[in-house]
PDB file of N, CA and C in Angstrom:
ATOM      1  N   MET A   1       4.208   4.079   0.079  1.00  0.00           N
ATOM      2  CA  MET A   1       3.122   4.496   0.931  1.00  0.00           C
ATOM      3  C   MET A   1       3.000   3.532   2.085  1.00  0.00           C
ATOM      4  N   VAL A   2       2.310   3.948   3.113  1.00  0.00           N
ATOM      5  CA  VAL A   2       2.029   3.097   4.262  1.00  0.00           C
ATOM      6  C   VAL A   2       0.521   3.000   4.405  1.00  0.00           C
ATOM      7  N   ALA A   3       0.040   1.787   4.587  1.00  0.00           N
ATOM      8  CA  ALA A   3      -1.405   1.597   4.756  1.00  0.00           C
ATOM      9  C   ALA A   3      -1.632   0.384   5.644  1.00  0.00           C
ATOM     10  N   TYR A   4      -2.810   0.296   6.198  1.00  0.00           N
ATOM     11  CA  TYR A   4      -3.189  -0.804   7.069  1.00  0.00           C
ATOM     12  C   TYR A   4      -3.838  -1.908   6.238  1.00  0.00           C
ATOM     13  N   ALA A   5      -3.490  -3.151   6.538  1.00  0.00           N
ATOM     14  CA  ALA A   5      -4.117  -4.294   5.869  1.00  0.00           C
ATOM     15  C   ALA A   5      -4.504  -5.316   6.935  1.00  0.00           C
ATOM     16  N   ASN A   6      -5.767  -5.671   6.955  1.00  0.00           N
ATOM     17  CA  ASN A   6      -6.204  -6.737   7.858  1.00  0.00           C
ATOM     18  C   ASN A   6      -6.140  -8.073   7.111  1.00  0.00           C
ATOM     19  N   LYS A   7      -6.568  -9.142   7.767  1.00  0.00           N
ATOM     20  CA  LYS A   7      -6.498 -10.478   7.167  1.00  0.00           C
ATOM     21  C   LYS A   7      -7.261 -10.529   5.838  1.00  0.00           C
ATOM     22  N   GLU A   8      -8.453  -9.949   5.812  1.00  0.00           N
ATOM     23  CA  GLU A   8      -9.276  -9.947   4.600  1.00  0.00           C
ATOM     24  C   GLU A   8      -8.582  -9.200   3.453  1.00  0.00           C
ATOM     25  N   ALA A   9      -7.937  -8.079   3.758  1.00  0.00           N
ATOM     26  CA  ALA A   9      -7.236  -7.300   2.734  1.00  0.00           C
ATOM     27  C   ALA A   9      -6.058  -8.083   2.153  1.00  0.00           C
ATOM     28  N   VAL A  10      -5.321  -8.758   3.017  1.00  0.00           N
ATOM     29  CA  VAL A  10      -4.184  -9.559   2.551  1.00  0.00           C
ATOM     30  C   VAL A  10      -4.676 -10.722   1.695  1.00  0.00           C
ATOM     31  N   GLU A  11      -5.727 -11.389   2.122  1.00  0.00           N
ATOM     32  CA  GLU A  11      -6.287 -12.498   1.340  1.00  0.00           C
ATOM     33  C   GLU A  11      -6.760 -12.025  -0.029  1.00  0.00           C
ATOM     34  N   LYS A  12      -7.410 -10.871  -0.088  1.00  0.00           N
ATOM     35  CA  LYS A  12      -7.894 -10.317  -1.358  1.00  0.00           C
ATOM     36  C   LYS A  12      -6.714  -9.930  -2.255  1.00  0.00           C
ATOM     37  N   THR A  13      -5.649  -9.417  -1.656  1.00  0.00           N
ATOM     38  CA  THR A  13      -4.441  -9.068  -2.408  1.00  0.00           C
ATOM     39  C   THR A  13      -3.835 -10.314  -3.047  1.00  0.00           C
ATOM     40  N   VAL A  14      -3.698 -11.376  -2.270  1.00  0.00           N
ATOM     41  CA  VAL A  14      -3.142 -12.631  -2.775  1.00  0.00           C
ATOM     42  C   VAL A  14      -4.045 -13.205  -3.869  1.00  0.00           C
ATOM     43  N   GLU A  15      -5.342 -13.162  -3.655  1.00  0.00           N
ATOM     44  CA  GLU A  15      -6.318 -13.709  -4.611  1.00  0.00           C
ATOM     45  C   GLU A  15      -6.311 -12.969  -5.951  1.00  0.00           C
ATOM     46  N   THR A  16      -6.243 -11.641  -5.909  1.00  0.00           N
ATOM     47  CA  THR A  16      -6.381 -10.831  -7.134  1.00  0.00           C
ATOM     48  C   THR A  16      -5.064 -10.393  -7.758  1.00  0.00           C
ATOM     49  N   GLY A  17      -4.001 -10.335  -6.942  1.00  0.00           N
ATOM     50  CA  GLY A  17      -2.718  -9.836  -7.443  1.00  0.00           C
ATOM     51  C   GLY A  17      -2.610  -8.317  -7.405  1.00  0.00           C
ATOM     52  N   TYR A  18      -3.624  -7.653  -6.863  1.00  0.00           N
ATOM     53  CA  TYR A  18      -3.614  -6.191  -6.718  1.00  0.00           C
ATOM     54  C   TYR A  18      -3.758  -5.828  -5.250  1.00  0.00           C
ATOM     55  N   ALA A  19      -3.059  -4.763  -4.840  1.00  0.00           N
ATOM     56  CA  ALA A  19      -3.031  -4.359  -3.442  1.00  0.00           C
ATOM     57  C   ALA A  19      -4.395  -3.927  -2.930  1.00  0.00           C
ATOM     58  N   HIS A  20      -4.785  -4.530  -1.824  1.00  0.00           N
ATOM     59  CA  HIS A  20      -6.006  -4.168  -1.100  1.00  0.00           C
ATOM     60  C   HIS A  20      -5.602  -3.797   0.322  1.00  0.00           C
ATOM     61  N   TYR A  21      -6.294  -2.835   0.881  1.00  0.00           N
ATOM     62  CA  TYR A  21      -6.019  -2.356   2.223  1.00  0.00           C
ATOM     63  C   TYR A  21      -7.325  -2.249   2.992  1.00  0.00           C
ATOM     64  N   TYR A  22      -7.206  -1.968   4.292  1.00  0.00           N
ATOM     65  CA  TYR A  22      -8.390  -1.782   5.112  1.00  0.00           C
ATOM     66  C   TYR A  22      -8.373  -0.371   5.674  1.00  0.00           C
ATOM     67  N   SER A  23      -9.433   0.373   5.435  1.00  0.00           N
ATOM     68  CA  SER A  23      -9.564   1.718   5.975  1.00  0.00           C
ATOM     69  C   SER A  23     -10.187   1.626   7.357  1.00  0.00           C
ATOM     70  N   ARG A  24      -9.410   1.975   8.374  1.00  0.00           N
ATOM     71  CA  ARG A  24      -9.933   1.932   9.740  1.00  0.00           C
ATOM     72  C   ARG A  24     -10.927   3.062   9.985  1.00  0.00           C
ATOM     73  N   SER A  25     -10.772   4.187   9.290  1.00  0.00           N
ATOM     74  CA  SER A  25     -11.715   5.298   9.487  1.00  0.00           C
ATOM     75  C   SER A  25     -13.064   5.022   8.817  1.00  0.00           C
ATOM     76  N   ARG A  26     -13.024   4.425   7.613  1.00  0.00           N
ATOM     77  CA  ARG A  26     -14.268   4.107   6.903  1.00  0.00           C
ATOM     78  C   ARG A  26     -14.796   2.718   7.234  1.00  0.00           C
ATOM     79  N   LYS A  27     -13.930   1.949   7.913  1.00  0.00           N
ATOM     80  CA  LYS A  27     -14.270   0.574   8.307  1.00  0.00           C
ATOM     81  C   LYS A  27     -14.668  -0.291   7.114  1.00  0.00           C
ATOM     82  N   LYS A  28     -13.820  -0.221   6.074  1.00  0.00           N
ATOM     83  CA  LYS A  28     -14.093  -1.071   4.909  1.00  0.00           C
ATOM     84  C   LYS A  28     -12.812  -1.341   4.114  1.00  0.00           C
ATOM     85  N   LEU A  29     -12.878  -2.409   3.360  1.00  0.00           N
ATOM     86  CA  LEU A  29     -11.789  -2.816   2.487  1.00  0.00           C
ATOM     87  C   LEU A  29     -11.739  -1.898   1.277  1.00  0.00           C
ATOM     88  N   TRP A  30     -10.536  -1.585   0.784  1.00  0.00           N
ATOM     89  CA  TRP A  30     -10.424  -0.807  -0.449  1.00  0.00           C
ATOM     90  C   TRP A  30      -9.265  -1.305  -1.297  1.00  0.00           C
ATOM     91  N   LYS A  31      -9.475  -1.248  -2.589  1.00  0.00           N
ATOM     92  CA  LYS A  31      -8.447  -1.623  -3.552  1.00  0.00           C
ATOM     93  C   LYS A  31      -7.731  -0.344  -3.966  1.00  0.00           C
ATOM     94  N   LYS A  32      -6.418  -0.322  -3.817  1.00  0.00           N
ATOM     95  CA  LYS A  32      -5.639   0.852  -4.207  1.00  0.00           C
ATOM     96  C   LYS A  32      -5.864   1.114  -5.685  1.00  0.00           C
ATOM     97  N   GLY A  33      -6.331   2.318  -5.996  1.00  0.00           N
ATOM     98  CA  GLY A  33      -6.556   2.702  -7.383  1.00  0.00           C
ATOM     99  C   GLY A  33      -7.940   2.436  -7.907  1.00  0.00           C
ATOM    100  N   GLU A  34      -8.848   1.945  -7.062  1.00  0.00           N
ATOM    101  CA  GLU A  34     -10.191   1.610  -7.552  1.00  0.00           C
ATOM    102  C   GLU A  34     -10.925   2.828  -8.098  1.00  0.00           C
ATOM    103  N   THR A  35     -10.630   4.020  -7.602  1.00  0.00           N
ATOM    104  CA  THR A  35     -11.265   5.225  -8.151  1.00  0.00           C
ATOM    105  C   THR A  35     -10.299   6.082  -8.960  1.00  0.00           C
ATOM    106  N   SER A  36      -9.012   6.049  -8.618  1.00  0.00           N
ATOM    107  CA  SER A  36      -8.008   6.886  -9.294  1.00  0.00           C
ATOM    108  C   SER A  36      -7.351   6.198 -10.483  1.00  0.00           C
ATOM    109  N   ASN A  37      -7.475   4.892 -10.563  1.00  0.00           N
ATOM    110  CA  ASN A  37      -6.782   4.077 -11.570  1.00  0.00           C
ATOM    111  C   ASN A  37      -5.288   3.964 -11.317  1.00  0.00           C
ATOM    112  N   ASN A  38      -4.817   4.388 -10.148  1.00  0.00           N
ATOM    113  CA  ASN A  38      -3.410   4.254  -9.769  1.00  0.00           C
ATOM    114  C   ASN A  38      -3.224   2.937  -9.029  1.00  0.00           C
ATOM    115  N   LEU A  39      -3.299   1.857  -9.789  1.00  0.00           N
ATOM    116  CA  LEU A  39      -3.273   0.514  -9.226  1.00  0.00           C
ATOM    117  C   LEU A  39      -1.878   0.081  -8.795  1.00  0.00           C
ATOM    118  N   GLN A  40      -1.842  -0.891  -7.893  1.00  0.00           N
ATOM    119  CA  GLN A  40      -0.586  -1.497  -7.466  1.00  0.00           C
ATOM    120  C   GLN A  40      -0.660  -2.995  -7.730  1.00  0.00           C
ATOM    121  N   LYS A  41       0.046  -3.426  -8.768  1.00  0.00           N
ATOM    122  CA  LYS A  41       0.119  -4.859  -9.086  1.00  0.00           C
ATOM    123  C   LYS A  41       1.198  -5.470  -8.195  1.00  0.00           C
ATOM    124  N   VAL A  42       0.805  -6.394  -7.351  1.00  0.00           N
ATOM    125  CA  VAL A  42       1.717  -6.957  -6.358  1.00  0.00           C
ATOM    126  C   VAL A  42       2.589  -8.043  -6.985  1.00  0.00           C
ATOM    127  N   LYS A  43       3.902  -7.844  -6.872  1.00  0.00           N
ATOM    128  CA  LYS A  43       4.877  -8.797  -7.403  1.00  0.00           C
ATOM    129  C   LYS A  43       5.335  -9.780  -6.341  1.00  0.00           C
ATOM    130  N   GLU A  44       5.421  -9.283  -5.089  1.00  0.00           N
ATOM    131  CA  GLU A  44       5.920 -10.110  -3.990  1.00  0.00           C
ATOM    132  C   GLU A  44       5.444  -9.493  -2.678  1.00  0.00           C
ATOM    133  N   ILE A  45       5.216 -10.343  -1.679  1.00  0.00           N
ATOM    134  CA  ILE A  45       4.868  -9.860  -0.349  1.00  0.00           C
ATOM    135  C   ILE A  45       5.912 -10.403   0.615  1.00  0.00           C
ATOM    136  N   LEU A  46       6.581  -9.479   1.296  1.00  0.00           N
ATOM    137  CA  LEU A  46       7.617  -9.850   2.264  1.00  0.00           C
ATOM    138  C   LEU A  46       7.088  -9.647   3.680  1.00  0.00           C
ATOM    139  N   LEU A  47       7.503 -10.511   4.585  1.00  0.00           N
ATOM    140  CA  LEU A  47       7.103 -10.468   5.983  1.00  0.00           C
ATOM    141  C   LEU A  47       8.317 -10.122   6.825  1.00  0.00           C
ATOM    142  N   ASP A  48       8.189  -9.185   7.772  1.00  0.00           N
ATOM    143  CA  ASP A  48       9.342  -8.803   8.595  1.00  0.00           C
ATOM    144  C   ASP A  48       9.661  -9.890   9.622  1.00  0.00           C
ATOM    145  N   CYS A  49      10.803  -9.727  10.311  1.00  0.00           N
ATOM    146  CA  CYS A  49      11.301 -10.743  11.242  1.00  0.00           C
ATOM    147  C   CYS A  49      10.379 -10.980  12.431  1.00  0.00           C
ATOM    148  N   ASP A  50       9.597  -9.974  12.824  1.00  0.00           N
ATOM    149  CA  ASP A  50       8.668 -10.128  13.940  1.00  0.00           C
ATOM    150  C   ASP A  50       7.326 -10.710  13.508  1.00  0.00           C
ATOM    151  N   GLY A  51       7.089 -10.742  12.221  1.00  0.00           N
ATOM    152  CA  GLY A  51       5.842 -11.283  11.700  1.00  0.00           C
ATOM    153  C   GLY A  51       4.650 -10.360  11.891  1.00  0.00           C
ATOM    154  N   ASP A  52       4.931  -9.043  12.051  1.00  0.00           N
ATOM    155  CA  ASP A  52       3.824  -8.117  12.262  1.00  0.00           C
ATOM    156  C   ASP A  52       3.741  -6.993  11.225  1.00  0.00           C
ATOM    157  N   THR A  53       4.574  -7.068  10.205  1.00  0.00           N
ATOM    158  CA  THR A  53       4.557  -6.056   9.148  1.00  0.00           C
ATOM    159  C   THR A  53       4.790  -6.718   7.795  1.00  0.00           C
ATOM    160  N   LEU A  54       4.015  -6.305   6.797  1.00  0.00           N
ATOM    161  CA  LEU A  54       4.189  -6.799   5.432  1.00  0.00           C
ATOM    162  C   LEU A  54       4.728  -5.684   4.550  1.00  0.00           C
ATOM    163  N   LEU A  55       5.521  -6.058   3.571  1.00  0.00           N
ATOM    164  CA  LEU A  55       6.004  -5.116   2.564  1.00  0.00           C
ATOM    165  C   LEU A  55       5.557  -5.646   1.215  1.00  0.00           C
ATOM    166  N   TYR A  56       4.719  -4.867   0.539  1.00  0.00           N
ATOM    167  CA  TYR A  56       4.286  -5.243  -0.804  1.00  0.00           C
ATOM    168  C   TYR A  56       5.281  -4.668  -1.803  1.00  0.00           C
ATOM    169  N   ILE A  57       5.867  -5.524  -2.610  1.00  0.00           N
ATOM    170  CA  ILE A  57       6.698  -5.088  -3.728  1.00  0.00           C
ATOM    171  C   ILE A  57       5.732  -5.012  -4.907  1.00  0.00           C
ATOM    172  N   VAL A  58       5.553  -3.804  -5.445  1.00  0.00           N
ATOM    173  CA  VAL A  58       4.518  -3.599  -6.449  1.00  0.00           C
ATOM    174  C   VAL A  58       5.061  -2.990  -7.735  1.00  0.00           C
ATOM    175  N   GLU A  59       4.298  -3.200  -8.786  1.00  0.00           N
ATOM    176  CA  GLU A  59       4.476  -2.464 -10.029  1.00  0.00           C
ATOM    177  C   GLU A  59       3.403  -1.378  -9.956  1.00  0.00           C
ATOM    178  N   GLN A  60       3.850  -0.142  -9.761  1.00  0.00           N
ATOM    179  CA  GLN A  60       2.920   0.968  -9.583  1.00  0.00           C
ATOM    180  C   GLN A  60       2.397   1.431 -10.931  1.00  0.00           C
ATOM    181  N   GLU A  61       1.092   1.406 -11.093  1.00  0.00           N
ATOM    182  CA  GLU A  61       0.445   1.888 -12.317  1.00  0.00           C
ATOM    183  C   GLU A  61      -0.097   3.279 -12.017  1.00  0.00           C
ATOM    184  N   GLY A  62       0.651   4.299 -12.379  1.00  0.00           N
ATOM    185  CA  GLY A  62       0.307   5.671 -12.017  1.00  0.00           C
ATOM    186  C   GLY A  62       1.103   6.083 -10.804  1.00  0.00           C
ATOM    187  N   VAL A  63       0.505   6.921  -9.956  1.00  0.00           N
ATOM    188  CA  VAL A  63       1.193   7.416  -8.769  1.00  0.00           C
ATOM    189  C   VAL A  63       0.655   6.716  -7.529  1.00  0.00           C
ATOM    190  N   ALA A  64       1.435   6.747  -6.456  1.00  0.00           N
ATOM    191  CA  ALA A  64       1.003   6.120  -5.208  1.00  0.00           C
ATOM    192  C   ALA A  64       0.347   7.112  -4.255  1.00  0.00           C
ATOM    193  N   CYS A  65       0.809   8.347  -4.280  1.00  0.00           N
ATOM    194  CA  CYS A  65       0.373   9.338  -3.294  1.00  0.00           C
ATOM    195  C   CYS A  65      -0.834  10.151  -3.767  1.00  0.00           C
ATOM    196  N   HIS A  66      -1.707  10.484  -2.830  1.00  0.00           N
ATOM    197  CA  HIS A  66      -2.883  11.294  -3.166  1.00  0.00           C
ATOM    198  C   HIS A  66      -2.507  12.719  -3.589  1.00  0.00           C
ATOM    199  N   THR A  67      -1.225  13.108  -3.363  1.00  0.00           N
ATOM    200  CA  THR A  67      -0.764  14.437  -3.784  1.00  0.00           C
ATOM    201  C   THR A  67      -0.378  14.457  -5.253  1.00  0.00           C
ATOM    202  N   GLY A  68      -0.397  13.280  -5.891  1.00  0.00           N
ATOM    203  CA  GLY A  68      -0.010  13.183  -7.293  1.00  0.00           C
ATOM    204  C   GLY A  68       1.456  12.815  -7.490  1.00  0.00           C
ATOM    205  N   ARG A  69       2.156  12.553  -6.412  1.00  0.00           N
ATOM    206  CA  ARG A  69       3.571  12.161  -6.507  1.00  0.00           C
ATOM    207  C   ARG A  69       3.704  10.642  -6.603  1.00  0.00           C
ATOM    208  N   TRP A  70       4.841  10.222  -7.144  1.00  0.00           N
ATOM    209  CA  TRP A  70       5.129   8.799  -7.322  1.00  0.00           C
ATOM    210  C   TRP A  70       5.096   8.067  -5.980  1.00  0.00           C
ATOM    211  N   SER A  71       5.624   8.698  -4.935  1.00  0.00           N
ATOM    212  CA  SER A  71       5.712   8.100  -3.608  1.00  0.00           C
ATOM    213  C   SER A  71       5.156   9.067  -2.569  1.00  0.00           C
ATOM    214  N   CYS A  72       4.681   8.544  -1.473  1.00  0.00           N
ATOM    215  CA  CYS A  72       4.232   9.387  -0.360  1.00  0.00           C
ATOM    216  C   CYS A  72       5.426   9.920   0.432  1.00  0.00           C
ATOM    217  N   PHE A  73       6.597   9.373   0.190  1.00  0.00           N
ATOM    218  CA  PHE A  73       7.809   9.763   0.915  1.00  0.00           C
ATOM    219  C   PHE A  73       8.660  10.674   0.032  1.00  0.00           C
ATOM    220  N   PHE A  74       8.340  11.969   0.044  1.00  0.00           N
ATOM    221  CA  PHE A  74       9.054  12.935  -0.789  1.00  0.00           C
ATOM    222  C   PHE A  74       9.592  14.113   0.016  1.00  0.00           C
ATOM    223  N   ARG A  75       9.290  14.176   1.313  1.00  0.00           N
ATOM    224  CA  ARG A  75       9.779  15.256   2.160  1.00  0.00           C
ATOM    225  C   ARG A  75      10.887  14.744   3.078  1.00  0.00           C
ATOM    226  N   THR A  76      11.776  15.634   3.464  1.00  0.00           N
ATOM    227  CA  THR A  76      12.860  15.252   4.363  1.00  0.00           C
ATOM    228  C   THR A  76      12.707  15.984   5.691  1.00  0.00           C
ATOM    229  N   VAL A  77      13.308  15.422   6.705  1.00  0.00           N
ATOM    230  CA  VAL A  77      13.334  16.030   8.030  1.00  0.00           C
ATOM    231  C   VAL A  77      14.721  16.627   8.220  1.00  0.00           C
ATOM    232  N   ALA A  78      14.781  17.915   8.573  1.00  0.00           N
ATOM    233  CA  ALA A  78      16.066  18.564   8.803  1.00  0.00           C
ATOM    234  C   ALA A  78      16.686  18.001  10.085  1.00  0.00           C
ATOM    235  N   THR A  79      17.944  17.662  10.003  1.00  0.00           N
ATOM    236  CA  THR A  79      18.669  17.152  11.158  1.00  0.00           C
ATOM    237  C   THR A  79      19.929  17.970  11.369  1.00  0.00           C
ATOM    238  N   GLU A  80      20.360  18.059  12.619  1.00  0.00           N
ATOM    239  CA  GLU A  80      21.609  18.767  12.916  1.00  0.00           C
ATOM    240  C   GLU A  80      22.771  17.834  12.692  1.00  0.00           C
ATOM    241  N   GLU A  81      23.873  18.425  12.263  1.00  0.00           N
ATOM    242  CA  GLU A  81      25.083  17.602  12.061  1.00  0.00           C
ATOM    243  C   GLU A  81      26.017  17.765  13.220  1.00  0.00           C
TER     244      GLU A  81
END
């Protein structure tokens, strides 16, 4: 999945060991799975070469996607050969 994390969300993730994100539409911090129980236990946090993107390596407890799928990335884009 892809989600936005501000400084507070990253700090809370490091502190608790569970993925926290920031909802820009609701303007508040949220813990992944706090209502669904589909938690993400963070094993490692990687930083990209530009220092502007984080990748959380997680142990997914349940599903990640709100559609009920394991991942939010389950559709493909048709391309011409």
